[in-house]
Amino acid sequence: MNYASEHNIFPKKPLFLELEIDTIHICDRIEFEVLEEWLGYEMSKLKYLNPKFISNIIPKPDSIDFIYLPNFLIGDFIMHEDSIYNYSSLENKYLVAANKSKKNIENTLC
């Protein structure tokens, strides 16, 4: 693009380089909010890496599916994988929400 600057087109630096991310296979439903909480990483960056999931939920795959994560989070995901799936499951969603409300109330009282 020889005349890009004349059309106000400039390169944008990516948030991640390819060597800084990796794929991980998923086998159940995951909510980005739960990923953010368990991995301690910003949801906006997680969603940036996984644009194919439009909503805040990664649905349970019919077959093999995967998500992209920064390399340094792969070990944390594997270590907390069962908890992430458990807290993202529809059966536990309301239980988790109730416990989260109790935790918030207790923190404000202290």
PDB file of N, CA and C in Angstrom:
ATOM      1  N   MET A   1       0.856  -1.174   0.000  1.00  0.00           N
ATOM      2  CA  MET A   1       0.000   0.000   0.000  1.00  0.00           C
ATOM      3  C   MET A   1       0.897   1.230   0.000  1.00  0.00           C
ATOM      4  N   ASN A   2       1.132   1.714  -1.166  1.00  0.00           N
ATOM      5  CA  ASN A   2       2.045   2.843  -1.320  1.00  0.00           C
ATOM      6  C   ASN A   2       1.473   4.150  -0.793  1.00  0.00           C
ATOM      7  N   TYR A   3       0.165   4.332  -0.846  1.00  0.00           N
ATOM      8  CA  TYR A   3      -0.465   5.598  -0.473  1.00  0.00           C
ATOM      9  C   TYR A   3      -1.345   5.469   0.776  1.00  0.00           C
ATOM     10  N   ALA A   4      -1.009   4.553   1.641  1.00  0.00           N
ATOM     11  CA  ALA A   4      -1.816   4.301   2.833  1.00  0.00           C
ATOM     12  C   ALA A   4      -1.910   5.541   3.715  1.00  0.00           C
ATOM     13  N   SER A   5      -0.812   6.233   3.924  1.00  0.00           N
ATOM     14  CA  SER A   5      -0.837   7.405   4.804  1.00  0.00           C
ATOM     15  C   SER A   5      -1.704   8.524   4.228  1.00  0.00           C
ATOM     16  N   GLU A   6      -1.803   8.609   2.928  1.00  0.00           N
ATOM     17  CA  GLU A   6      -2.668   9.619   2.312  1.00  0.00           C
ATOM     18  C   GLU A   6      -4.148   9.333   2.560  1.00  0.00           C
ATOM     19  N   HIS A   7      -4.458   8.076   2.877  1.00  0.00           N
ATOM     20  CA  HIS A   7      -5.841   7.682   3.151  1.00  0.00           C
ATOM     21  C   HIS A   7      -6.078   7.426   4.641  1.00  0.00           C
ATOM     22  N   ASN A   8      -5.147   7.903   5.455  1.00  0.00           N
ATOM     23  CA  ASN A   8      -5.216   7.734   6.917  1.00  0.00           C
ATOM     24  C   ASN A   8      -5.306   6.265   7.327  1.00  0.00           C
ATOM     25  N   ILE A   9      -4.548   5.426   6.652  1.00  0.00           N
ATOM     26  CA  ILE A   9      -4.477   4.010   7.003  1.00  0.00           C
ATOM     27  C   ILE A   9      -3.078   3.755   7.548  1.00  0.00           C
ATOM     28  N   PHE A  10      -3.043   3.321   8.809  1.00  0.00           N
ATOM     29  CA  PHE A  10      -1.773   3.086   9.469  1.00  0.00           C
ATOM     30  C   PHE A  10      -1.794   1.704  10.110  1.00  0.00           C
ATOM     31  N   PRO A  11      -0.649   1.044  10.207  1.00  0.00           N
ATOM     32  CA  PRO A  11      -0.613  -0.276  10.846  1.00  0.00           C
ATOM     33  C   PRO A  11      -0.935  -0.167  12.333  1.00  0.00           C
ATOM     34  N   LYS A  12      -1.609  -1.163  12.817  1.00  0.00           N
ATOM     35  CA  LYS A  12      -1.960  -1.216  14.232  1.00  0.00           C
ATOM     36  C   LYS A  12      -1.202  -2.378  14.859  1.00  0.00           C
ATOM     37  N   LYS A  13      -0.556  -2.113  15.970  1.00  0.00           N
ATOM     38  CA  LYS A  13       0.222  -3.143  16.647  1.00  0.00           C
ATOM     39  C   LYS A  13      -0.734  -4.133  17.310  1.00  0.00           C
ATOM     40  N   PRO A  14      -0.553  -5.437  17.073  1.00  0.00           N
ATOM     41  CA  PRO A  14      -1.443  -6.435  17.694  1.00  0.00           C
ATOM     42  C   PRO A  14      -1.179  -6.543  19.194  1.00  0.00           C
ATOM     43  N   LEU A  15      -2.213  -6.942  19.927  1.00  0.00           N
ATOM     44  CA  LEU A  15      -2.050  -7.134  21.375  1.00  0.00           C
ATOM     45  C   LEU A  15      -1.157  -8.331  21.681  1.00  0.00           C
ATOM     46  N   PHE A  16      -1.192  -9.349  20.812  1.00  0.00           N
ATOM     47  CA  PHE A  16      -0.438 -10.574  21.044  1.00  0.00           C
ATOM     48  C   PHE A  16       0.267 -10.986  19.757  1.00  0.00           C
ATOM     49  N   LEU A  17       1.448 -11.536  19.896  1.00  0.00           N
ATOM     50  CA  LEU A  17       2.129 -12.167  18.775  1.00  0.00           C
ATOM     51  C   LEU A  17       1.735 -13.645  18.773  1.00  0.00           C
ATOM     52  N   GLU A  18       1.838 -14.288  17.631  1.00  0.00           N
ATOM     53  CA  GLU A  18       1.430 -15.693  17.537  1.00  0.00           C
ATOM     54  C   GLU A  18       2.189 -16.592  18.500  1.00  0.00           C
ATOM     55  N   LEU A  19       3.448 -16.301  18.731  1.00  0.00           N
ATOM     56  CA  LEU A  19       4.222 -17.159  19.625  1.00  0.00           C
ATOM     57  C   LEU A  19       3.858 -16.963  21.092  1.00  0.00           C
ATOM     58  N   GLU A  20       3.048 -15.970  21.398  1.00  0.00           N
ATOM     59  CA  GLU A  20       2.643 -15.709  22.790  1.00  0.00           C
ATOM     60  C   GLU A  20       1.319 -16.371  23.153  1.00  0.00           C
ATOM     61  N   ILE A  21       0.653 -17.026  22.180  1.00  0.00           N
ATOM     62  CA  ILE A  21      -0.625 -17.660  22.456  1.00  0.00           C
ATOM     63  C   ILE A  21      -0.590 -19.127  22.063  1.00  0.00           C
ATOM     64  N   ASP A  22      -1.502 -19.886  22.655  1.00  0.00           N
ATOM     65  CA  ASP A  22      -1.603 -21.306  22.348  1.00  0.00           C
ATOM     66  C   ASP A  22      -3.069 -21.714  22.434  1.00  0.00           C
ATOM     67  N   THR A  23      -3.395 -22.872  21.903  1.00  0.00           N
ATOM     68  CA  THR A  23      -4.769 -23.364  21.951  1.00  0.00           C
ATOM     69  C   THR A  23      -4.908 -24.393  23.056  1.00  0.00           C
ATOM     70  N   ILE A  24      -6.098 -24.468  23.579  1.00  0.00           N
ATOM     71  CA  ILE A  24      -6.410 -25.486  24.569  1.00  0.00           C
ATOM     72  C   ILE A  24      -7.786 -26.044  24.236  1.00  0.00           C
ATOM     73  N   HIS A  25      -7.903 -27.355  24.255  1.00  0.00           N
ATOM     74  CA  HIS A  25      -9.167 -28.006  23.926  1.00  0.00           C
ATOM     75  C   HIS A  25     -10.131 -27.877  25.095  1.00  0.00           C
ATOM     76  N   ILE A  26     -11.383 -27.645  24.748  1.00  0.00           N
ATOM     77  CA  ILE A  26     -12.411 -27.542  25.781  1.00  0.00           C
ATOM     78  C   ILE A  26     -13.447 -28.634  25.545  1.00  0.00           C
ATOM     79  N   CYS A  27     -14.088 -29.048  26.622  1.00  0.00           N
ATOM     80  CA  CYS A  27     -15.055 -30.131  26.495  1.00  0.00           C
ATOM     81  C   CYS A  27     -16.392 -29.792  27.142  1.00  0.00           C
ATOM     82  N   ASP A  28     -16.549 -28.583  27.652  1.00  0.00           N
ATOM     83  CA  ASP A  28     -17.807 -28.205  28.296  1.00  0.00           C
ATOM     84  C   ASP A  28     -18.015 -26.703  28.175  1.00  0.00           C
ATOM     85  N   ARG A  29     -19.166 -26.261  28.641  1.00  0.00           N
ATOM     86  CA  ARG A  29     -19.548 -24.855  28.599  1.00  0.00           C
ATOM     87  C   ARG A  29     -18.641 -24.040  29.516  1.00  0.00           C
ATOM     88  N   ILE A  30     -18.236 -22.844  29.047  1.00  0.00           N
ATOM     89  CA  ILE A  30     -17.396 -21.948  29.855  1.00  0.00           C
ATOM     90  C   ILE A  30     -17.934 -20.528  29.709  1.00  0.00           C
ATOM     91  N   GLU A  31     -17.988 -19.817  30.805  1.00  0.00           N
ATOM     92  CA  GLU A  31     -18.347 -18.400  30.777  1.00  0.00           C
ATOM     93  C   GLU A  31     -17.064 -17.580  30.873  1.00  0.00           C
ATOM     94  N   PHE A  32     -16.988 -16.524  30.067  1.00  0.00           N
ATOM     95  CA  PHE A  32     -15.795 -15.674  30.099  1.00  0.00           C
ATOM     96  C   PHE A  32     -15.608 -15.042  31.482  1.00  0.00           C
ATOM     97  N   GLU A  33     -16.704 -14.748  32.157  1.00  0.00           N
ATOM     98  CA  GLU A  33     -16.615 -14.161  33.502  1.00  0.00           C
ATOM     99  C   GLU A  33     -15.926 -15.125  34.473  1.00  0.00           C
ATOM    100  N   VAL A  34     -16.238 -16.413  34.356  1.00  0.00           N
ATOM    101  CA  VAL A  34     -15.611 -17.428  35.209  1.00  0.00           C
ATOM    102  C   VAL A  34     -14.129 -17.570  34.852  1.00  0.00           C
ATOM    103  N   LEU A  35     -13.828 -17.560  33.554  1.00  0.00           N
ATOM    104  CA  LEU A  35     -12.418 -17.602  33.133  1.00  0.00           C
ATOM    105  C   LEU A  35     -11.643 -16.432  33.715  1.00  0.00           C
ATOM    106  N   GLU A  36     -12.239 -15.252  33.637  1.00  0.00           N
ATOM    107  CA  GLU A  36     -11.585 -14.053  34.160  1.00  0.00           C
ATOM    108  C   GLU A  36     -11.311 -14.198  35.653  1.00  0.00           C
ATOM    109  N   GLU A  37     -12.282 -14.722  36.373  1.00  0.00           N
ATOM    110  CA  GLU A  37     -12.135 -14.848  37.829  1.00  0.00           C
ATOM    111  C   GLU A  37     -11.088 -15.897  38.204  1.00  0.00           C
ATOM    112  N   TRP A  38     -11.120 -17.060  37.554  1.00  0.00           N
ATOM    113  CA  TRP A  38     -10.211 -18.143  37.929  1.00  0.00           C
ATOM    114  C   TRP A  38      -8.794 -17.934  37.419  1.00  0.00           C
ATOM    115  N   LEU A  39      -8.665 -17.286  36.252  1.00  0.00           N
ATOM    116  CA  LEU A  39      -7.323 -17.080  35.696  1.00  0.00           C
ATOM    117  C   LEU A  39      -6.726 -15.735  36.080  1.00  0.00           C
ATOM    118  N   GLY A  40      -7.572 -14.827  36.602  1.00  0.00           N
ATOM    119  CA  GLY A  40      -7.075 -13.516  36.989  1.00  0.00           C
ATOM    120  C   GLY A  40      -6.591 -12.710  35.797  1.00  0.00           C
ATOM    121  N   TYR A  41      -7.319 -12.799  34.700  1.00  0.00           N
ATOM    122  CA  TYR A  41      -6.915 -12.131  33.465  1.00  0.00           C
ATOM    123  C   TYR A  41      -8.126 -11.400  32.886  1.00  0.00           C
ATOM    124  N   GLU A  42      -7.896 -10.276  32.252  1.00  0.00           N
ATOM    125  CA  GLU A  42      -8.979  -9.432  31.758  1.00  0.00           C
ATOM    126  C   GLU A  42      -9.859 -10.142  30.727  1.00  0.00           C
ATOM    127  N   MET A  43     -11.179 -10.027  30.924  1.00  0.00           N
ATOM    128  CA  MET A  43     -12.126 -10.647  30.012  1.00  0.00           C
ATOM    129  C   MET A  43     -12.001 -10.049  28.608  1.00  0.00           C
ATOM    130  N   SER A  44     -11.738  -8.760  28.513  1.00  0.00           N
ATOM    131  CA  SER A  44     -11.637  -8.117  27.196  1.00  0.00           C
ATOM    132  C   SER A  44     -10.512  -8.742  26.367  1.00  0.00           C
ATOM    133  N   LYS A  45      -9.401  -9.081  27.009  1.00  0.00           N
ATOM    134  CA  LYS A  45      -8.287  -9.717  26.287  1.00  0.00           C
ATOM    135  C   LYS A  45      -8.618 -11.163  25.923  1.00  0.00           C
ATOM    136  N   LEU A  46      -9.322 -11.860  26.808  1.00  0.00           N
ATOM    137  CA  LEU A  46      -9.741 -13.225  26.506  1.00  0.00           C
ATOM    138  C   LEU A  46     -10.696 -13.240  25.316  1.00  0.00           C
ATOM    139  N   LYS A  47     -11.612 -12.267  25.285  1.00  0.00           N
ATOM    140  CA  LYS A  47     -12.555 -12.178  24.175  1.00  0.00           C
ATOM    141  C   LYS A  47     -11.843 -11.741  22.892  1.00  0.00           C
ATOM    142  N   TYR A  48     -10.833 -10.902  22.999  1.00  0.00           N
ATOM    143  CA  TYR A  48     -10.039 -10.485  21.839  1.00  0.00           C
ATOM    144  C   TYR A  48      -9.371 -11.696  21.181  1.00  0.00           C
ATOM    145  N   LEU A  49      -8.874 -12.612  22.012  1.00  0.00           N
ATOM    146  CA  LEU A  49      -8.215 -13.810  21.496  1.00  0.00           C
ATOM    147  C   LEU A  49      -9.199 -14.821  20.916  1.00  0.00           C
ATOM    148  N   ASN A  50     -10.468 -14.726  21.301  1.00  0.00           N
ATOM    149  CA  ASN A  50     -11.480 -15.696  20.886  1.00  0.00           C
ATOM    150  C   ASN A  50     -12.691 -15.001  20.278  1.00  0.00           C
ATOM    151  N   PRO A  51     -12.511 -14.334  19.147  1.00  0.00           N
ATOM    152  CA  PRO A  51     -13.610 -13.542  18.571  1.00  0.00           C
ATOM    153  C   PRO A  51     -14.763 -14.367  18.012  1.00  0.00           C
ATOM    154  N   LYS A  52     -14.576 -15.673  17.845  1.00  0.00           N
ATOM    155  CA  LYS A  52     -15.665 -16.479  17.303  1.00  0.00           C
ATOM    156  C   LYS A  52     -16.806 -16.661  18.306  1.00  0.00           C
ATOM    157  N   PHE A  53     -16.540 -16.378  19.581  1.00  0.00           N
ATOM    158  CA  PHE A  53     -17.583 -16.460  20.601  1.00  0.00           C
ATOM    159  C   PHE A  53     -18.123 -15.059  20.838  1.00  0.00           C
ATOM    160  N   ILE A  54     -19.290 -14.783  20.290  1.00  0.00           N
ATOM    161  CA  ILE A  54     -19.855 -13.440  20.309  1.00  0.00           C
ATOM    162  C   ILE A  54     -20.382 -13.066  21.688  1.00  0.00           C
ATOM    163  N   SER A  55     -21.037 -13.995  22.346  1.00  0.00           N
ATOM    164  CA  SER A  55     -21.587 -13.693  23.674  1.00  0.00           C
ATOM    165  C   SER A  55     -20.504 -13.928  24.731  1.00  0.00           C
ATOM    166  N   ASN A  56     -20.877 -13.805  25.989  1.00  0.00           N
ATOM    167  CA  ASN A  56     -19.931 -14.022  27.085  1.00  0.00           C
ATOM    168  C   ASN A  56     -19.848 -15.482  27.483  1.00  0.00           C
ATOM    169  N   ILE A  57     -20.373 -16.355  26.630  1.00  0.00           N
ATOM    170  CA  ILE A  57     -20.407 -17.785  26.929  1.00  0.00           C
ATOM    171  C   ILE A  57     -19.768 -18.561  25.785  1.00  0.00           C
ATOM    172  N   ILE A  58     -18.950 -19.527  26.148  1.00  0.00           N
ATOM    173  CA  ILE A  58     -18.424 -20.478  25.185  1.00  0.00           C
ATOM    174  C   ILE A  58     -19.307 -21.717  25.328  1.00  0.00           C
ATOM    175  N   PRO A  59     -20.148 -22.004  24.330  1.00  0.00           N
ATOM    176  CA  PRO A  59     -21.086 -23.121  24.480  1.00  0.00           C
ATOM    177  C   PRO A  59     -20.382 -24.471  24.520  1.00  0.00           C
ATOM    178  N   LYS A  60     -21.091 -25.454  25.067  1.00  0.00           N
ATOM    179  CA  LYS A  60     -20.554 -26.814  25.103  1.00  0.00           C
ATOM    180  C   LYS A  60     -20.398 -27.292  23.667  1.00  0.00           C
ATOM    181  N   PRO A  61     -19.199 -27.732  23.299  1.00  0.00           N
ATOM    182  CA  PRO A  61     -18.983 -28.133  21.912  1.00  0.00           C
ATOM    183  C   PRO A  61     -19.655 -29.459  21.581  1.00  0.00           C
ATOM    184  N   ASP A  62     -20.132 -29.562  20.324  1.00  0.00           N
ATOM    185  CA  ASP A  62     -20.693 -30.830  19.847  1.00  0.00           C
ATOM    186  C   ASP A  62     -19.574 -31.837  19.600  1.00  0.00           C
ATOM    187  N   SER A  63     -18.456 -31.332  19.155  1.00  0.00           N
ATOM    188  CA  SER A  63     -17.282 -32.179  18.947  1.00  0.00           C
ATOM    189  C   SER A  63     -16.095 -31.471  19.598  1.00  0.00           C
ATOM    190  N   ILE A  64     -14.944 -31.607  19.052  1.00  0.00           N
ATOM    191  CA  ILE A  64     -13.758 -30.968  19.616  1.00  0.00           C
ATOM    192  C   ILE A  64     -13.785 -29.472  19.291  1.00  0.00           C
ATOM    193  N   ASP A  65     -13.554 -28.655  20.288  1.00  0.00           N
ATOM    194  CA  ASP A  65     -13.447 -27.212  20.102  1.00  0.00           C
ATOM    195  C   ASP A  65     -12.276 -26.724  20.937  1.00  0.00           C
ATOM    196  N   PHE A  66     -11.862 -25.506  20.714  1.00  0.00           N
ATOM    197  CA  PHE A  66     -10.697 -24.978  21.421  1.00  0.00           C
ATOM    198  C   PHE A  66     -10.865 -23.489  21.651  1.00  0.00           C
ATOM    199  N   ILE A  67     -10.054 -22.987  22.574  1.00  0.00           N
ATOM    200  CA  ILE A  67      -9.958 -21.552  22.815  1.00  0.00           C
ATOM    201  C   ILE A  67      -8.478 -21.179  22.778  1.00  0.00           C
ATOM    202  N   TYR A  68      -8.235 -19.906  22.538  1.00  0.00           N
ATOM    203  CA  TYR A  68      -6.877 -19.379  22.559  1.00  0.00           C
ATOM    204  C   TYR A  68      -6.636 -18.708  23.908  1.00  0.00           C
ATOM    205  N   LEU A  69      -5.479 -18.975  24.479  1.00  0.00           N
ATOM    206  CA  LEU A  69      -5.060 -18.347  25.732  1.00  0.00           C
ATOM    207  C   LEU A  69      -3.594 -17.943  25.620  1.00  0.00           C
ATOM    208  N   PRO A  70      -3.194 -16.914  26.353  1.00  0.00           N
ATOM    209  CA  PRO A  70      -1.750 -16.602  26.413  1.00  0.00           C
ATOM    210  C   PRO A  70      -1.009 -17.796  27.014  1.00  0.00           C
ATOM    211  N   ASN A  71       0.206 -18.021  26.556  1.00  0.00           N
ATOM    212  CA  ASN A  71       1.004 -19.169  27.009  1.00  0.00           C
ATOM    213  C   ASN A  71       1.105 -19.264  28.528  1.00  0.00           C
ATOM    214  N   PHE A  72       1.268 -18.132  29.185  1.00  0.00           N
ATOM    215  CA  PHE A  72       1.474 -18.173  30.638  1.00  0.00           C
ATOM    216  C   PHE A  72       0.212 -18.549  31.411  1.00  0.00           C
ATOM    217  N   LEU A  73      -0.947 -18.602  30.747  1.00  0.00           N
ATOM    218  CA  LEU A  73      -2.193 -18.997  31.418  1.00  0.00           C
ATOM    219  C   LEU A  73      -2.573 -20.461  31.182  1.00  0.00           C
ATOM    220  N   ILE A  74      -1.883 -21.145  30.294  1.00  0.00           N
ATOM    221  CA  ILE A  74      -2.233 -22.527  29.962  1.00  0.00           C
ATOM    222  C   ILE A  74      -2.147 -23.422  31.202  1.00  0.00           C
ATOM    223  N   GLY A  75      -1.081 -23.320  31.956  1.00  0.00           N
ATOM    224  CA  GLY A  75      -0.931 -24.132  33.170  1.00  0.00           C
ATOM    225  C   GLY A  75      -2.012 -23.835  34.189  1.00  0.00           C
ATOM    226  N   ASP A  76      -2.365 -22.560  34.361  1.00  0.00           N
ATOM    227  CA  ASP A  76      -3.427 -22.189  35.300  1.00  0.00           C
ATOM    228  C   ASP A  76      -4.764 -22.761  34.855  1.00  0.00           C
ATOM    229  N   PHE A  77      -5.025 -22.715  33.544  1.00  0.00           N
ATOM    230  CA  PHE A  77      -6.280 -23.276  33.047  1.00  0.00           C
ATOM    231  C   PHE A  77      -6.352 -24.770  33.324  1.00  0.00           C
ATOM    232  N   ILE A  78      -5.271 -25.483  33.033  1.00  0.00           N
ATOM    233  CA  ILE A  78      -5.250 -26.932  33.259  1.00  0.00           C
ATOM    234  C   ILE A  78      -5.418 -27.243  34.749  1.00  0.00           C
ATOM    235  N   MET A  79      -4.781 -26.461  35.600  1.00  0.00           N
ATOM    236  CA  MET A  79      -4.861 -26.683  37.041  1.00  0.00           C
ATOM    237  C   MET A  79      -6.283 -26.439  37.566  1.00  0.00           C
ATOM    238  N   HIS A  80      -6.985 -25.440  37.011  1.00  0.00           N
ATOM    239  CA  HIS A  80      -8.321 -25.082  37.492  1.00  0.00           C
ATOM    240  C   HIS A  80      -9.434 -25.511  36.543  1.00  0.00           C
ATOM    241  N   GLU A  81      -9.126 -26.365  35.584  1.00  0.00           N
ATOM    242  CA  GLU A  81     -10.086 -26.728  34.543  1.00  0.00           C
ATOM    243  C   GLU A  81     -11.401 -27.261  35.108  1.00  0.00           C
ATOM    244  N   ASP A  82     -11.337 -28.181  36.060  1.00  0.00           N
ATOM    245  CA  ASP A  82     -12.553 -28.747  36.642  1.00  0.00           C
ATOM    246  C   ASP A  82     -13.396 -27.663  37.315  1.00  0.00           C
ATOM    247  N   SER A  83     -12.757 -26.769  38.033  1.00  0.00           N
ATOM    248  CA  SER A  83     -13.484 -25.694  38.708  1.00  0.00           C
ATOM    249  C   SER A  83     -14.106 -24.732  37.701  1.00  0.00           C
ATOM    250  N   ILE A  84     -13.389 -24.421  36.634  1.00  0.00           N
ATOM    251  CA  ILE A  84     -13.919 -23.522  35.601  1.00  0.00           C
ATOM    252  C   ILE A  84     -15.156 -24.120  34.970  1.00  0.00           C
ATOM    253  N   TYR A  85     -15.106 -25.410  34.622  1.00  0.00           N
ATOM    254  CA  TYR A  85     -16.277 -26.069  34.055  1.00  0.00           C
ATOM    255  C   TYR A  85     -17.419 -26.125  35.064  1.00  0.00           C
ATOM    256  N   ASN A  86     -17.085 -26.430  36.306  1.00  0.00           N
ATOM    257  CA  ASN A  86     -18.102 -26.557  37.347  1.00  0.00           C
ATOM    258  C   ASN A  86     -18.820 -25.234  37.589  1.00  0.00           C
ATOM    259  N   TYR A  87     -18.077 -24.143  37.715  1.00  0.00           N
ATOM    260  CA  TYR A  87     -18.685 -22.836  37.969  1.00  0.00           C
ATOM    261  C   TYR A  87     -19.390 -22.277  36.734  1.00  0.00           C
ATOM    262  N   SER A  88     -19.047 -22.785  35.552  1.00  0.00           N
ATOM    263  CA  SER A  88     -19.698 -22.336  34.327  1.00  0.00           C
ATOM    264  C   SER A  88     -20.923 -23.167  33.975  1.00  0.00           C
ATOM    265  N   SER A  89     -21.118 -24.292  34.664  1.00  0.00           N
ATOM    266  CA  SER A  89     -22.236 -25.170  34.317  1.00  0.00           C
ATOM    267  C   SER A  89     -23.559 -24.526  34.678  1.00  0.00           C
ATOM    268  N   LEU A  90     -24.578 -24.844  33.893  1.00  0.00           N
ATOM    269  CA  LEU A  90     -25.905 -24.281  34.140  1.00  0.00           C
ATOM    270  C   LEU A  90     -26.491 -24.772  35.458  1.00  0.00           C
ATOM    271  N   GLU A  91     -26.151 -26.003  35.864  1.00  0.00           N
ATOM    272  CA  GLU A  91     -26.688 -26.551  37.113  1.00  0.00           C
ATOM    273  C   GLU A  91     -26.193 -25.755  38.318  1.00  0.00           C
ATOM    274  N   ASN A  92     -24.954 -25.296  38.272  1.00  0.00           N
ATOM    275  CA  ASN A  92     -24.358 -24.600  39.411  1.00  0.00           C
ATOM    276  C   ASN A  92     -24.435 -23.086  39.305  1.00  0.00           C
ATOM    277  N   LYS A  93     -24.965 -22.576  38.213  1.00  0.00           N
ATOM    278  CA  LYS A  93     -24.955 -21.131  37.976  1.00  0.00           C
ATOM    279  C   LYS A  93     -25.657 -20.365  39.101  1.00  0.00           C
ATOM    280  N   TYR A  94     -26.824 -20.814  39.493  1.00  0.00           N
ATOM    281  CA  TYR A  94     -27.582 -20.090  40.510  1.00  0.00           C
ATOM    282  C   TYR A  94     -26.966 -20.261  41.895  1.00  0.00           C
ATOM    283  N   LEU A  95     -26.386 -21.411  42.160  1.00  0.00           N
ATOM    284  CA  LEU A  95     -25.698 -21.641  43.428  1.00  0.00           C
ATOM    285  C   LEU A  95     -24.492 -20.717  43.551  1.00  0.00           C
ATOM    286  N   VAL A  96     -23.742 -20.597  42.486  1.00  0.00           N
ATOM    287  CA  VAL A  96     -22.567 -19.724  42.485  1.00  0.00           C
ATOM    288  C   VAL A  96     -22.988 -18.272  42.668  1.00  0.00           C
ATOM    289  N   ALA A  97     -24.054 -17.858  41.984  1.00  0.00           N
ATOM    290  CA  ALA A  97     -24.537 -16.481  42.107  1.00  0.00           C
ATOM    291  C   ALA A  97     -24.966 -16.185  43.542  1.00  0.00           C
ATOM    292  N   ALA A  98     -25.625 -17.128  44.191  1.00  0.00           N
ATOM    293  CA  ALA A  98     -26.062 -16.937  45.578  1.00  0.00           C
ATOM    294  C   ALA A  98     -24.855 -16.822  46.502  1.00  0.00           C
ATOM    295  N   ASN A  99     -23.858 -17.677  46.317  1.00  0.00           N
ATOM    296  CA  ASN A  99     -22.659 -17.631  47.150  1.00  0.00           C
ATOM    297  C   ASN A  99     -21.863 -16.361  46.909  1.00  0.00           C
ATOM    298  N   LYS A 100     -21.846 -15.889  45.676  1.00  0.00           N
ATOM    299  CA  LYS A 100     -21.132 -14.655  45.358  1.00  0.00           C
ATOM    300  C   LYS A 100     -21.794 -13.481  46.072  1.00  0.00           C
ATOM    301  N   SER A 101     -23.125 -13.470  46.118  1.00  0.00           N
ATOM    302  CA  SER A 101     -23.841 -12.407  46.824  1.00  0.00           C
ATOM    303  C   SER A 101     -23.526 -12.437  48.311  1.00  0.00           C
ATOM    304  N   LYS A 102     -23.499 -13.635  48.891  1.00  0.00           N
ATOM    305  CA  LYS A 102     -23.163 -13.768  50.319  1.00  0.00           C
ATOM    306  C   LYS A 102     -21.748 -13.268  50.582  1.00  0.00           C
ATOM    307  N   LYS A 103     -20.816 -13.623  49.688  1.00  0.00           N
ATOM    308  CA  LYS A 103     -19.430 -13.213  49.857  1.00  0.00           C
ATOM    309  C   LYS A 103     -19.316 -11.687  49.797  1.00  0.00           C
ATOM    310  N   ASN A 104     -20.048 -11.054  48.887  1.00  0.00           N
ATOM    311  CA  ASN A 104     -20.016  -9.598  48.774  1.00  0.00           C
ATOM    312  C   ASN A 104     -20.576  -8.943  50.020  1.00  0.00           C
ATOM    313  N   ILE A 105     -21.636  -9.491  50.578  1.00  0.00           N
ATOM    314  CA  ILE A 105     -22.240  -8.951  51.795  1.00  0.00           C
ATOM    315  C   ILE A 105     -21.261  -9.073  52.970  1.00  0.00           C
ATOM    316  N   GLU A 106     -20.611 -10.243  53.076  1.00  0.00           N
ATOM    317  CA  GLU A 106     -19.647 -10.454  54.162  1.00  0.00           C
ATOM    318  C   GLU A 106     -18.467  -9.490  54.040  1.00  0.00           C
ATOM    319  N   ASN A 107     -18.006  -9.251  52.820  1.00  0.00           N
ATOM    320  CA  ASN A 107     -16.874  -8.339  52.631  1.00  0.00           C
ATOM    321  C   ASN A 107     -17.229  -6.897  52.990  1.00  0.00           C
ATOM    322  N   THR A 108     -18.456  -6.485  52.765  1.00  0.00           N
ATOM    323  CA  THR A 108     -18.850  -5.134  53.104  1.00  0.00           C
ATOM    324  C   THR A 108     -19.033  -4.972  54.607  1.00  0.00           C
ATOM    325  N   LEU A 109     -19.340  -6.060  55.312  1.00  0.00           N
ATOM    326  CA  LEU A 109     -19.540  -5.980  56.759  1.00  0.00           C
ATOM    327  C   LEU A 109     -18.217  -5.923  57.506  1.00  0.00           C
ATOM    328  N   CYS A 110     -17.162  -6.448  56.924  1.00  0.00           N
ATOM    329  CA  CYS A 110     -15.857  -6.494  57.606  1.00  0.00           C
ATOM    330  C   CYS A 110     -15.171  -5.147  57.629  1.00  0.00           C
TER     331      CYS A 110
END
